[in-house]
PDB file of N, CA and C in Angstrom:
ATOM      1  N   MET A   1      38.538 115.404 -29.974  1.00  0.00           N
ATOM      2  CA  MET A   1      38.671 116.561 -30.828  1.00  0.00           C
ATOM      3  C   MET A   1      38.734 117.798 -29.955  1.00  0.00           C
ATOM      4  N   GLN A   2      39.712 118.650 -30.188  1.00  0.00           N
ATOM      5  CA  GLN A   2      39.869 119.855 -29.391  1.00  0.00           C
ATOM      6  C   GLN A   2      39.732 121.081 -30.264  1.00  0.00           C
ATOM      7  N   GLN A   3      39.250 122.140 -29.639  1.00  0.00           N
ATOM      8  CA  GLN A   3      39.080 123.386 -30.362  1.00  0.00           C
ATOM      9  C   GLN A   3      40.213 124.330 -29.986  1.00  0.00           C
ATOM     10  N   SER A   4      40.667 125.081 -30.945  1.00  0.00           N
ATOM     11  CA  SER A   4      41.737 126.033 -30.695  1.00  0.00           C
ATOM     12  C   SER A   4      41.138 127.425 -30.547  1.00  0.00           C
ATOM     13  N   HIS A   5      41.565 128.137 -29.527  1.00  0.00           N
ATOM     14  CA  HIS A   5      41.094 129.503 -29.309  1.00  0.00           C
ATOM     15  C   HIS A   5      42.135 130.488 -29.826  1.00  0.00           C
ATOM     16  N   LEU A   6      41.762 131.741 -29.813  1.00  0.00           N
ATOM     17  CA  LEU A   6      42.653 132.787 -30.313  1.00  0.00           C
ATOM     18  C   LEU A   6      43.960 132.841 -29.537  1.00  0.00           C
ATOM     19  N   ASP A   7      43.920 132.536 -28.248  1.00  0.00           N
ATOM     20  CA  ASP A   7      45.145 132.596 -27.457  1.00  0.00           C
ATOM     21  C   ASP A   7      46.010 131.355 -27.636  1.00  0.00           C
ATOM     22  N   GLY A   8      45.519 130.402 -28.436  1.00  0.00           N
ATOM     23  CA  GLY A   8      46.318 129.223 -28.738  1.00  0.00           C
ATOM     24  C   GLY A   8      46.097 128.071 -27.784  1.00  0.00           C
ATOM     25  N   SER A   9      45.260 128.263 -26.738  1.00  0.00           N
ATOM     26  CA  SER A   9      45.035 127.157 -25.803  1.00  0.00           C
ATOM     27  C   SER A   9      44.025 126.180 -26.384  1.00  0.00           C
ATOM     28  N   ASN A  10      44.203 124.945 -26.046  1.00  0.00           N
ATOM     29  CA  ASN A  10      43.293 123.900 -26.511  1.00  0.00           C
ATOM     30  C   ASN A  10      42.260 123.612 -25.426  1.00  0.00           C
ATOM     31  N   VAL A  11      40.986 123.551 -25.807  1.00  0.00           N
ATOM     32  CA  VAL A  11      39.901 123.303 -24.870  1.00  0.00           C
ATOM     33  C   VAL A  11      39.088 122.122 -25.389  1.00  0.00           C
ATOM     34  N   ALA A  12      38.748 121.213 -24.492  1.00  0.00           N
ATOM     35  CA  ALA A  12      37.929 120.063 -24.884  1.00  0.00           C
ATOM     36  C   ALA A  12      36.536 120.550 -25.259  1.00  0.00           C
ATOM     37  N   PRO A  13      35.924 119.909 -26.238  1.00  0.00           N
ATOM     38  CA  PRO A  13      34.582 120.327 -26.636  1.00  0.00           C
ATOM     39  C   PRO A  13      33.591 120.129 -25.493  1.00  0.00           C
ATOM     40  N   SER A  14      32.568 120.946 -25.489  1.00  0.00           N
ATOM     41  CA  SER A  14      31.583 120.845 -24.417  1.00  0.00           C
ATOM     42  C   SER A  14      30.795 119.546 -24.546  1.00  0.00           C
ATOM     43  N   SER A  15      30.370 119.038 -23.422  1.00  0.00           N
ATOM     44  CA  SER A  15      29.626 117.786 -23.389  1.00  0.00           C
ATOM     45  C   SER A  15      28.194 118.021 -23.853  1.00  0.00           C
ATOM     46  N   ASN A  16      27.607 117.016 -24.442  1.00  0.00           N
ATOM     47  CA  ASN A  16      26.242 117.122 -24.926  1.00  0.00           C
ATOM     48  C   ASN A  16      25.290 116.377 -23.989  1.00  0.00           C
ATOM     49  N   ASP A  17      25.542 116.444 -22.685  1.00  0.00           N
ATOM     50  CA  ASP A  17      24.702 115.727 -21.738  1.00  0.00           C
ATOM     51  C   ASP A  17      23.795 116.663 -20.946  1.00  0.00           C
ATOM     52  N   TYR A  18      23.354 117.736 -21.566  1.00  0.00           N
ATOM     53  CA  TYR A  18      22.486 118.691 -20.897  1.00  0.00           C
ATOM     54  C   TYR A  18      21.138 118.063 -20.531  1.00  0.00           C
ATOM     55  N   HIS A  19      20.721 117.016 -21.217  1.00  0.00           N
ATOM     56  CA  HIS A  19      19.444 116.366 -20.970  1.00  0.00           C
ATOM     57  C   HIS A  19      19.498 115.346 -19.834  1.00  0.00           C
ATOM     58  N   VAL A  20      20.677 115.045 -19.322  1.00  0.00           N
ATOM     59  CA  VAL A  20      20.826 114.078 -18.239  1.00  0.00           C
ATOM     60  C   VAL A  20      20.523 114.778 -16.917  1.00  0.00           C
ATOM     61  N   LEU A  21      19.525 114.264 -16.202  1.00  0.00           N
ATOM     62  CA  LEU A  21      19.133 114.852 -14.928  1.00  0.00           C
ATOM     63  C   LEU A  21      19.705 114.023 -13.788  1.00  0.00           C
ATOM     64  N   PRO A  22      20.166 114.672 -12.737  1.00  0.00           N
ATOM     65  CA  PRO A  22      20.724 113.921 -11.611  1.00  0.00           C
ATOM     66  C   PRO A  22      19.630 113.149 -10.872  1.00  0.00           C
ATOM     67  N   ALA A  23      20.031 112.112 -10.181  1.00  0.00           N
ATOM     68  CA  ALA A  23      19.092 111.320  -9.389  1.00  0.00           C
ATOM     69  C   ALA A  23      18.512 112.187  -8.279  1.00  0.00           C
ATOM     70  N   THR A  24      17.240 111.983  -7.965  1.00  0.00           N
ATOM     71  CA  THR A  24      16.607 112.758  -6.903  1.00  0.00           C
ATOM     72  C   THR A  24      16.966 112.166  -5.543  1.00  0.00           C
ATOM     73  N   LYS A  25      16.767 112.952  -4.499  1.00  0.00           N
ATOM     74  CA  LYS A  25      17.040 112.472  -3.143  1.00  0.00           C
ATOM     75  C   LYS A  25      16.155 111.272  -2.806  1.00  0.00           C
ATOM     76  N   LYS A  26      14.886 111.330  -3.245  1.00  0.00           N
ATOM     77  CA  LYS A  26      13.969 110.219  -2.990  1.00  0.00           C
ATOM     78  C   LYS A  26      14.448 108.939  -3.659  1.00  0.00           C
ATOM     79  N   GLN A  27      14.925 109.055  -4.901  1.00  0.00           N
ATOM     80  CA  GLN A  27      15.428 107.881  -5.613  1.00  0.00           C
ATOM     81  C   GLN A  27      16.626 107.286  -4.881  1.00  0.00           C
ATOM     82  N   ILE A  28      17.536 108.147  -4.471  1.00  0.00           N
ATOM     83  CA  ILE A  28      18.746 107.679  -3.784  1.00  0.00           C
ATOM     84  C   ILE A  28      18.387 106.995  -2.470  1.00  0.00           C
ATOM     85  N   LEU A  29      17.486 107.609  -1.692  1.00  0.00           N
ATOM     86  CA  LEU A  29      17.080 107.009  -0.419  1.00  0.00           C
ATOM     87  C   LEU A  29      16.395 105.661  -0.632  1.00  0.00           C
ATOM     88  N   PHE A  30      15.524 105.589  -1.635  1.00  0.00           N
ATOM     89  CA  PHE A  30      14.830 104.333  -1.922  1.00  0.00           C
ATOM     90  C   PHE A  30      15.817 103.258  -2.357  1.00  0.00           C
ATOM     91  N   ALA A  31      16.755 103.622  -3.212  1.00  0.00           N
ATOM     92  CA  ALA A  31      17.771 102.669  -3.671  1.00  0.00           C
ATOM     93  C   ALA A  31      18.629 102.194  -2.499  1.00  0.00           C
ATOM     94  N   GLN A  32      18.964 103.098  -1.591  1.00  0.00           N
ATOM     95  CA  GLN A  32      19.759 102.720  -0.422  1.00  0.00           C
ATOM     96  C   GLN A  32      18.981 101.762   0.483  1.00  0.00           C
ATOM     97  N   GLN A  33      17.676 101.999   0.633  1.00  0.00           N
ATOM     98  CA  GLN A  33      16.845 101.095   1.439  1.00  0.00           C
ATOM     99  C   GLN A  33      16.802  99.698   0.823  1.00  0.00           C
ATOM    100  N   ILE A  34      16.654  99.643  -0.488  1.00  0.00           N
ATOM    101  CA  ILE A  34      16.621  98.348  -1.181  1.00  0.00           C
ATOM    102  C   ILE A  34      17.953  97.627  -1.005  1.00  0.00           C
ATOM    103  N   ALA A  35      19.052  98.359  -1.206  1.00  0.00           N
ATOM    104  CA  ALA A  35      20.382  97.759  -1.079  1.00  0.00           C
ATOM    105  C   ALA A  35      20.616  97.242   0.338  1.00  0.00           C
ATOM    106  N   LYS A  36      20.173  98.012   1.324  1.00  0.00           N
ATOM    107  CA  LYS A  36      20.348  97.596   2.714  1.00  0.00           C
ATOM    108  C   LYS A  36      19.524  96.342   3.008  1.00  0.00           C
ATOM    109  N   ARG A  37      18.279  96.316   2.518  1.00  0.00           N
ATOM    110  CA  ARG A  37      17.400  95.171   2.753  1.00  0.00           C
ATOM    111  C   ARG A  37      17.949  93.907   2.097  1.00  0.00           C
ATOM    112  N   LEU A  38      18.521  94.061   0.900  1.00  0.00           N
ATOM    113  CA  LEU A  38      19.061  92.907   0.176  1.00  0.00           C
ATOM    114  C   LEU A  38      20.506  92.592   0.564  1.00  0.00           C
ATOM    115  N   LYS A  39      21.094  93.466   1.390  1.00  0.00           N
ATOM    116  CA  LYS A  39      22.481  93.322   1.840  1.00  0.00           C
ATOM    117  C   LYS A  39      23.447  93.261   0.661  1.00  0.00           C
ATOM    118  N   ILE A  40      23.259  94.218  -0.260  1.00  0.00           N
ATOM    119  CA  ILE A  40      24.159  94.352  -1.410  1.00  0.00           C
ATOM    120  C   ILE A  40      24.639  95.795  -1.475  1.00  0.00           C
ATOM    121  N   ASP A  41      25.723  96.006  -2.200  1.00  0.00           N
ATOM    122  CA  ASP A  41      26.246  97.357  -2.369  1.00  0.00           C
ATOM    123  C   ASP A  41      25.519  98.055  -3.504  1.00  0.00           C
ATOM    124  N   LEU A  42      25.253  99.334  -3.289  1.00  0.00           N
ATOM    125  CA  LEU A  42      24.642 100.158  -4.325  1.00  0.00           C
ATOM    126  C   LEU A  42      25.767 100.707  -5.189  1.00  0.00           C
ATOM    127  N   PRO A  43      25.830 100.332  -6.469  1.00  0.00           N
ATOM    128  CA  PRO A  43      26.932 100.802  -7.314  1.00  0.00           C
ATOM    129  C   PRO A  43      26.887 102.322  -7.494  1.00  0.00           C
ATOM    130  N   THR A  44      28.044 102.942  -7.433  1.00  0.00           N
ATOM    131  CA  THR A  44      28.099 104.400  -7.566  1.00  0.00           C
ATOM    132  C   THR A  44      27.695 104.862  -8.956  1.00  0.00           C
ATOM    133  N   ASP A  45      27.922 104.036  -9.984  1.00  0.00           N
ATOM    134  CA  ASP A  45      27.519 104.453 -11.327  1.00  0.00           C
ATOM    135  C   ASP A  45      25.997 104.471 -11.480  1.00  0.00           C
ATOM    136  N   ALA A  46      25.273 103.797 -10.583  1.00  0.00           N
ATOM    137  CA  ALA A  46      23.810 103.837 -10.627  1.00  0.00           C
ATOM    138  C   ALA A  46      23.279 105.177 -10.130  1.00  0.00           C
ATOM    139  N   LEU A  47      24.098 105.903  -9.382  1.00  0.00           N
ATOM    140  CA  LEU A  47      23.675 107.180  -8.807  1.00  0.00           C
ATOM    141  C   LEU A  47      23.907 108.365  -9.733  1.00  0.00           C
ATOM    142  N   VAL A  48      24.437 108.120 -10.915  1.00  0.00           N
ATOM    143  CA  VAL A  48      24.823 109.198 -11.826  1.00  0.00           C
ATOM    144  C   VAL A  48      23.627 109.992 -12.334  1.00  0.00           C
ATOM    145  N   ASP A  49      22.592 109.312 -12.794  1.00  0.00           N
ATOM    146  CA  ASP A  49      21.439 110.041 -13.319  1.00  0.00           C
ATOM    147  C   ASP A  49      20.143 109.293 -13.025  1.00  0.00           C
ATOM    148  N   ARG A  50      19.027 109.950 -13.286  1.00  0.00           N
ATOM    149  CA  ARG A  50      17.713 109.393 -12.959  1.00  0.00           C
ATOM    150  C   ARG A  50      17.414 108.092 -13.684  1.00  0.00           C
ATOM    151  N   HIS A  51      17.821 108.005 -14.935  1.00  0.00           N
ATOM    152  CA  HIS A  51      17.522 106.798 -15.703  1.00  0.00           C
ATOM    153  C   HIS A  51      18.286 105.590 -15.172  1.00  0.00           C
ATOM    154  N   ARG A  52      19.539 105.779 -14.843  1.00  0.00           N
ATOM    155  CA  ARG A  52      20.342 104.654 -14.337  1.00  0.00           C
ATOM    156  C   ARG A  52      19.831 104.163 -12.990  1.00  0.00           C
ATOM    157  N   ILE A  53      19.528 105.103 -12.102  1.00  0.00           N
ATOM    158  CA  ILE A  53      19.058 104.684 -10.780  1.00  0.00           C
ATOM    159  C   ILE A  53      17.673 104.047 -10.881  1.00  0.00           C
ATOM    160  N   SER A  54      16.843 104.527 -11.806  1.00  0.00           N
ATOM    161  CA  SER A  54      15.524 103.916 -12.006  1.00  0.00           C
ATOM    162  C   SER A  54      15.658 102.482 -12.498  1.00  0.00           C
ATOM    163  N   ARG A  55      16.582 102.267 -13.421  1.00  0.00           N
ATOM    164  CA  ARG A  55      16.804 100.905 -13.918  1.00  0.00           C
ATOM    165  C   ARG A  55      17.297  99.996 -12.793  1.00  0.00           C
ATOM    166  N   TRP A  56      18.189 100.510 -11.937  1.00  0.00           N
ATOM    167  CA  TRP A  56      18.705  99.716 -10.830  1.00  0.00           C
ATOM    168  C   TRP A  56      17.576  99.391  -9.854  1.00  0.00           C
ATOM    169  N   ILE A  57      16.764 100.383  -9.539  1.00  0.00           N
ATOM    170  CA  ILE A  57      15.642 100.170  -8.622  1.00  0.00           C
ATOM    171  C   ILE A  57      14.683  99.132  -9.194  1.00  0.00           C
ATOM    172  N   ASP A  58      14.331  99.268 -10.472  1.00  0.00           N
ATOM    173  CA  ASP A  58      13.411  98.315 -11.099  1.00  0.00           C
ATOM    174  C   ASP A  58      13.959  96.894 -11.074  1.00  0.00           C
ATOM    175  N   ALA A  59      15.255  96.769 -11.245  1.00  0.00           N
ATOM    176  CA  ALA A  59      15.871  95.441 -11.263  1.00  0.00           C
ATOM    177  C   ALA A  59      15.950  94.820  -9.868  1.00  0.00           C
ATOM    178  N   HIS A  60      15.967  95.647  -8.820  1.00  0.00           N
ATOM    179  CA  HIS A  60      16.194  95.127  -7.475  1.00  0.00           C
ATOM    180  C   HIS A  60      15.027  95.287  -6.506  1.00  0.00           C
ATOM    181  N   LYS A  61      13.998  96.031  -6.873  1.00  0.00           N
ATOM    182  CA  LYS A  61      12.904  96.235  -5.919  1.00  0.00           C
ATOM    183  C   LYS A  61      12.127  94.943  -5.731  1.00  0.00           C
ATOM    184  N   PRO A  62      11.615  94.756  -4.529  1.00  0.00           N
ATOM    185  CA  PRO A  62      10.858  93.531  -4.271  1.00  0.00           C
ATOM    186  C   PRO A  62       9.529  93.562  -5.022  1.00  0.00           C
ATOM    187  N   THR A  63       9.114  92.409  -5.496  1.00  0.00           N
ATOM    188  CA  THR A  63       7.843  92.331  -6.204  1.00  0.00           C
ATOM    189  C   THR A  63       6.714  92.198  -5.192  1.00  0.00           C
ATOM    190  N   ALA A  64       5.572  92.716  -5.552  1.00  0.00           N
ATOM    191  CA  ALA A  64       4.412  92.618  -4.680  1.00  0.00           C
ATOM    192  C   ALA A  64       3.955  91.162  -4.626  1.00  0.00           C
ATOM    193  N   PRO A  65       3.595  90.701  -3.446  1.00  0.00           N
ATOM    194  CA  PRO A  65       3.147  89.312  -3.348  1.00  0.00           C
ATOM    195  C   PRO A  65       1.829  89.118  -4.097  1.00  0.00           C
ATOM    196  N   THR A  66       1.684  87.966  -4.715  1.00  0.00           N
ATOM    197  CA  THR A  66       0.459  87.649  -5.434  1.00  0.00           C
ATOM    198  C   THR A  66      -0.561  87.145  -4.422  1.00  0.00           C
ATOM    199  N   MET A  67      -1.632  87.884  -4.306  1.00  0.00           N
ATOM    200  CA  MET A  67      -2.677  87.540  -3.354  1.00  0.00           C
ATOM    201  C   MET A  67      -3.814  86.826  -4.079  1.00  0.00           C
ATOM    202  N   ARG A  68      -4.687  86.242  -3.309  1.00  0.00           N
ATOM    203  CA  ARG A  68      -5.811  85.500  -3.872  1.00  0.00           C
ATOM    204  C   ARG A  68      -6.692  86.391  -4.747  1.00  0.00           C
ATOM    205  N   PHE A  69      -6.888  87.626  -4.338  1.00  0.00           N
ATOM    206  CA  PHE A  69      -7.792  88.520  -5.042  1.00  0.00           C
ATOM    207  C   PHE A  69      -7.070  89.555  -5.898  1.00  0.00           C
ATOM    208  N   SER A  70      -5.780  89.401  -6.092  1.00  0.00           N
ATOM    209  CA  SER A  70      -5.017  90.417  -6.826  1.00  0.00           C
ATOM    210  C   SER A  70      -5.404  90.512  -8.292  1.00  0.00           C
ATOM    211  N   ASN A  71      -6.000  89.468  -8.848  1.00  0.00           N
ATOM    212  CA  ASN A  71      -6.393  89.503 -10.256  1.00  0.00           C
ATOM    213  C   ASN A  71      -7.864  89.868 -10.433  1.00  0.00           C
ATOM    214  N   TYR A  72      -8.551  90.156  -9.327  1.00  0.00           N
ATOM    215  CA  TYR A  72      -9.958  90.536  -9.411  1.00  0.00           C
ATOM    216  C   TYR A  72     -10.066  91.958  -9.956  1.00  0.00           C
ATOM    217  N   PRO A  73     -11.166  92.281 -10.638  1.00  0.00           N
ATOM    218  CA  PRO A  73     -11.342  93.647 -11.142  1.00  0.00           C
ATOM    219  C   PRO A  73     -11.532  94.628  -9.988  1.00  0.00           C
ATOM    220  N   SER A  74     -11.172  95.873 -10.235  1.00  0.00           N
ATOM    221  CA  SER A  74     -11.332  96.900  -9.205  1.00  0.00           C
ATOM    222  C   SER A  74     -12.809  97.256  -9.053  1.00  0.00           C
ATOM    223  N   SER A  75     -13.142  97.894  -7.949  1.00  0.00           N
ATOM    224  CA  SER A  75     -14.534  98.286  -7.727  1.00  0.00           C
ATOM    225  C   SER A  75     -14.989  99.295  -8.777  1.00  0.00           C
ATOM    226  N   LYS A  76     -14.082 100.162  -9.205  1.00  0.00           N
ATOM    227  CA  LYS A  76     -14.429 101.124 -10.264  1.00  0.00           C
ATOM    228  C   LYS A  76     -14.718 100.403 -11.572  1.00  0.00           C
ATOM    229  N   GLN A  77     -13.917  99.386 -11.876  1.00  0.00           N
ATOM    230  CA  GLN A  77     -14.106  98.618 -13.102  1.00  0.00           C
ATOM    231  C   GLN A  77     -15.455  97.889 -13.060  1.00  0.00           C
ATOM    232  N   VAL A  78     -15.782  97.297 -11.920  1.00  0.00           N
ATOM    233  CA  VAL A  78     -17.056  96.592 -11.774  1.00  0.00           C
ATOM    234  C   VAL A  78     -18.218  97.573 -11.894  1.00  0.00           C
ATOM    235  N   GLY A  79     -18.098  98.722 -11.238  1.00  0.00           N
ATOM    236  CA  GLY A  79     -19.153  99.729 -11.316  1.00  0.00           C
ATOM    237  C   GLY A  79     -19.387 100.207 -12.735  1.00  0.00           C
ATOM    238  N   PHE A  80     -18.302 100.428 -13.464  1.00  0.00           N
ATOM    239  CA  PHE A  80     -18.411 100.872 -14.856  1.00  0.00           C
ATOM    240  C   PHE A  80     -19.082  99.798 -15.705  1.00  0.00           C
ATOM    241  N   ALA A  81     -18.689  98.545 -15.505  1.00  0.00           N
ATOM    242  CA  ALA A  81     -19.285  97.438 -16.257  1.00  0.00           C
ATOM    243  C   ALA A  81     -20.769  97.299 -15.927  1.00  0.00           C
ATOM    244  N   GLU A  82     -21.124  97.469 -14.658  1.00  0.00           N
ATOM    245  CA  GLU A  82     -22.534  97.363 -14.272  1.00  0.00           C
ATOM    246  C   GLU A  82     -23.371  98.475 -14.888  1.00  0.00           C
ATOM    247  N   ARG A  83     -22.792  99.670 -14.996  1.00  0.00           N
ATOM    248  CA  ARG A  83     -23.502 100.769 -15.670  1.00  0.00           C
ATOM    249  C   ARG A  83     -23.755 100.436 -17.136  1.00  0.00           C
ATOM    250  N   ILE A  84     -22.725  99.905 -17.802  1.00  0.00           N
ATOM    251  CA  ILE A  84     -22.866  99.508 -19.210  1.00  0.00           C
ATOM    252  C   ILE A  84     -23.931  98.417 -19.329  1.00  0.00           C
ATOM    253  N   ALA A  85     -23.905  97.446 -18.412  1.00  0.00           N
ATOM    254  CA  ALA A  85     -24.859  96.337 -18.452  1.00  0.00           C
ATOM    255  C   ALA A  85     -26.293  96.842 -18.283  1.00  0.00           C
ATOM    256  N   ARG A  86     -26.504  97.810 -17.391  1.00  0.00           N
ATOM    257  CA  ARG A  86     -27.847  98.369 -17.211  1.00  0.00           C
ATOM    258  C   ARG A  86     -28.322  99.084 -18.461  1.00  0.00           C
ATOM    259  N   ILE A  87     -27.432  99.885 -19.054  1.00  0.00           N
ATOM    260  CA  ILE A  87     -27.798 100.641 -20.256  1.00  0.00           C
ATOM    261  C   ILE A  87     -28.111  99.699 -21.413  1.00  0.00           C
ATOM    262  N   LYS A  88     -27.282  98.681 -21.592  1.00  0.00           N
ATOM    263  CA  LYS A  88     -27.443  97.747 -22.721  1.00  0.00           C
ATOM    264  C   LYS A  88     -28.376  96.582 -22.391  1.00  0.00           C
ATOM    265  N   ARG A  89     -28.839  96.526 -21.137  1.00  0.00           N
ATOM    266  CA  ARG A  89     -29.727  95.448 -20.677  1.00  0.00           C
ATOM    267  C   ARG A  89     -29.124  94.069 -20.949  1.00  0.00           C
ATOM    268  N   ARG A  90     -27.883  93.926 -20.500  1.00  0.00           N
ATOM    269  CA  ARG A  90     -27.148  92.662 -20.647  1.00  0.00           C
ATOM    270  C   ARG A  90     -26.602  92.252 -19.288  1.00  0.00           C
ATOM    271  N   ASP A  91     -26.377  90.967 -19.143  1.00  0.00           N
ATOM    272  CA  ASP A  91     -25.743  90.456 -17.929  1.00  0.00           C
ATOM    273  C   ASP A  91     -24.237  90.396 -18.129  1.00  0.00           C
ATOM    274  N   ILE A  92     -23.528  90.620 -17.048  1.00  0.00           N
ATOM    275  CA  ILE A  92     -22.072  90.465 -17.063  1.00  0.00           C
ATOM    276  C   ILE A  92     -21.785  89.012 -16.695  1.00  0.00           C
ATOM    277  N   PRO A  93     -21.031  88.286 -17.506  1.00  0.00           N
ATOM    278  CA  PRO A  93     -20.708  86.891 -17.163  1.00  0.00           C
ATOM    279  C   PRO A  93     -19.996  86.802 -15.809  1.00  0.00           C
ATOM    280  N   GLN A  94     -20.346  85.795 -15.027  1.00  0.00           N
ATOM    281  CA  GLN A  94     -19.793  85.645 -13.677  1.00  0.00           C
ATOM    282  C   GLN A  94     -18.272  85.530 -13.665  1.00  0.00           C
ATOM    283  N   GLU A  95     -17.694  84.900 -14.686  1.00  0.00           N
ATOM    284  CA  GLU A  95     -16.227  84.753 -14.704  1.00  0.00           C
ATOM    285  C   GLU A  95     -15.517  86.098 -14.816  1.00  0.00           C
ATOM    286  N   CYS A  96     -16.213  87.120 -15.320  1.00  0.00           N
ATOM    287  CA  CYS A  96     -15.609  88.458 -15.421  1.00  0.00           C
ATOM    288  C   CYS A  96     -15.363  89.065 -14.042  1.00  0.00           C
ATOM    289  N   PHE A  97     -16.143  88.634 -13.041  1.00  0.00           N
ATOM    290  CA  PHE A  97     -15.982  89.155 -11.689  1.00  0.00           C
ATOM    291  C   PHE A  97     -14.780  88.535 -10.976  1.00  0.00           C
ATOM    292  N   ARG A  98     -14.143  87.542 -11.600  1.00  0.00           N
ATOM    293  CA  ARG A  98     -12.976  86.891 -11.002  1.00  0.00           C
ATOM    294  C   ARG A  98     -11.685  87.161 -11.756  1.00  0.00           C
ATOM    295  N   ASP A  99     -11.772  87.923 -12.864  1.00  0.00           N
ATOM    296  CA  ASP A  99     -10.577  88.174 -13.673  1.00  0.00           C
ATOM    297  C   ASP A  99     -10.637  89.571 -14.274  1.00  0.00           C
ATOM    298  N   ARG A 100      -9.695  90.413 -13.893  1.00  0.00           N
ATOM    299  CA  ARG A 100      -9.708  91.802 -14.369  1.00  0.00           C
ATOM    300  C   ARG A 100      -9.512  91.905 -15.878  1.00  0.00           C
ATOM    301  N   GLY A 101      -8.761  90.991 -16.460  1.00  0.00           N
ATOM    302  CA  GLY A 101      -8.554  91.000 -17.903  1.00  0.00           C
ATOM    303  C   GLY A 101      -9.834  90.687 -18.659  1.00  0.00           C
ATOM    304  N   MET A 102     -10.573  89.692 -18.155  1.00  0.00           N
ATOM    305  CA  MET A 102     -11.845  89.345 -18.794  1.00  0.00           C
ATOM    306  C   MET A 102     -12.853  90.476 -18.649  1.00  0.00           C
ATOM    307  N   MET A 103     -12.861  91.120 -17.480  1.00  0.00           N
ATOM    308  CA  MET A 103     -13.776  92.245 -17.266  1.00  0.00           C
ATOM    309  C   MET A 103     -13.435  93.379 -18.222  1.00  0.00           C
ATOM    310  N   SER A 104     -12.162  93.635 -18.402  1.00  0.00           N
ATOM    311  CA  SER A 104     -11.723  94.685 -19.318  1.00  0.00           C
ATOM    312  C   SER A 104     -12.168  94.387 -20.746  1.00  0.00           C
ATOM    313  N   LYS A 105     -12.017  93.138 -21.160  1.00  0.00           N
ATOM    314  CA  LYS A 105     -12.447  92.751 -22.512  1.00  0.00           C
ATOM    315  C   LYS A 105     -13.960  92.876 -22.660  1.00  0.00           C
ATOM    316  N   TRP A 106     -14.708  92.488 -21.619  1.00  0.00           N
ATOM    317  CA  TRP A 106     -16.161  92.603 -21.677  1.00  0.00           C
ATOM    318  C   TRP A 106     -16.560  94.070 -21.827  1.00  0.00           C
ATOM    319  N   ILE A 107     -15.917  94.941 -21.063  1.00  0.00           N
ATOM    320  CA  ILE A 107     -16.207  96.376 -21.154  1.00  0.00           C
ATOM    321  C   ILE A 107     -15.904  96.879 -22.558  1.00  0.00           C
ATOM    322  N   ASP A 108     -14.741  96.525 -23.098  1.00  0.00           N
ATOM    323  CA  ASP A 108     -14.362  96.982 -24.444  1.00  0.00           C
ATOM    324  C   ASP A 108     -15.354  96.510 -25.504  1.00  0.00           C
ATOM    325  N   ARG A 109     -15.825  95.279 -25.387  1.00  0.00           N
ATOM    326  CA  ARG A 109     -16.768  94.745 -26.382  1.00  0.00           C
ATOM    327  C   ARG A 109     -18.151  95.369 -26.261  1.00  0.00           C
ATOM    328  N   ASN A 110     -18.475  95.891 -25.100  1.00  0.00           N
ATOM    329  CA  ASN A 110     -19.829  96.396 -24.877  1.00  0.00           C
ATOM    330  C   ASN A 110     -19.932  97.911 -24.810  1.00  0.00           C
ATOM    331  N   LEU A 111     -18.898  98.605 -25.112  1.00  0.00           N
ATOM    332  CA  LEU A 111     -18.968 100.079 -25.136  1.00  0.00           C
ATOM    333  C   LEU A 111     -19.701 100.573 -26.349  1.00  0.00           C
TER     334      LEU A 111
END
C-alpha cells in the first residue's frame, strides 16, 4: 500500500519495526565465538536483531557439563533452610542436602 503526497509522488508506508533493537557487539562476538568453535557459519539473518541472535545463541551454545554436585543445594539455600529449622525446631531430612529441588520443597513447606 502506498501513500500519495501532494506532489503526486508515491511513498512506501513507514515500517512498524521501531521496537526491534539491533544485536549488541557482545552478542555478535559471542555468536562468532560459538560458530568458530563449532566450525559452522553464522547466518547473516541471525545478526538482524537481538531476539534472533539470542535464539541462535541459545540453540548453539554449549551446555554446561553435569557434575556430581551440580544438583546439590547452594550454600545460601542450606543456610536459609537451617535458619528455618532452628526457628521451627525441626530437622532437615538428609536427602534434602543432596537435591536442590527437595531442599526447595522443604523450605516452601516450612515457611
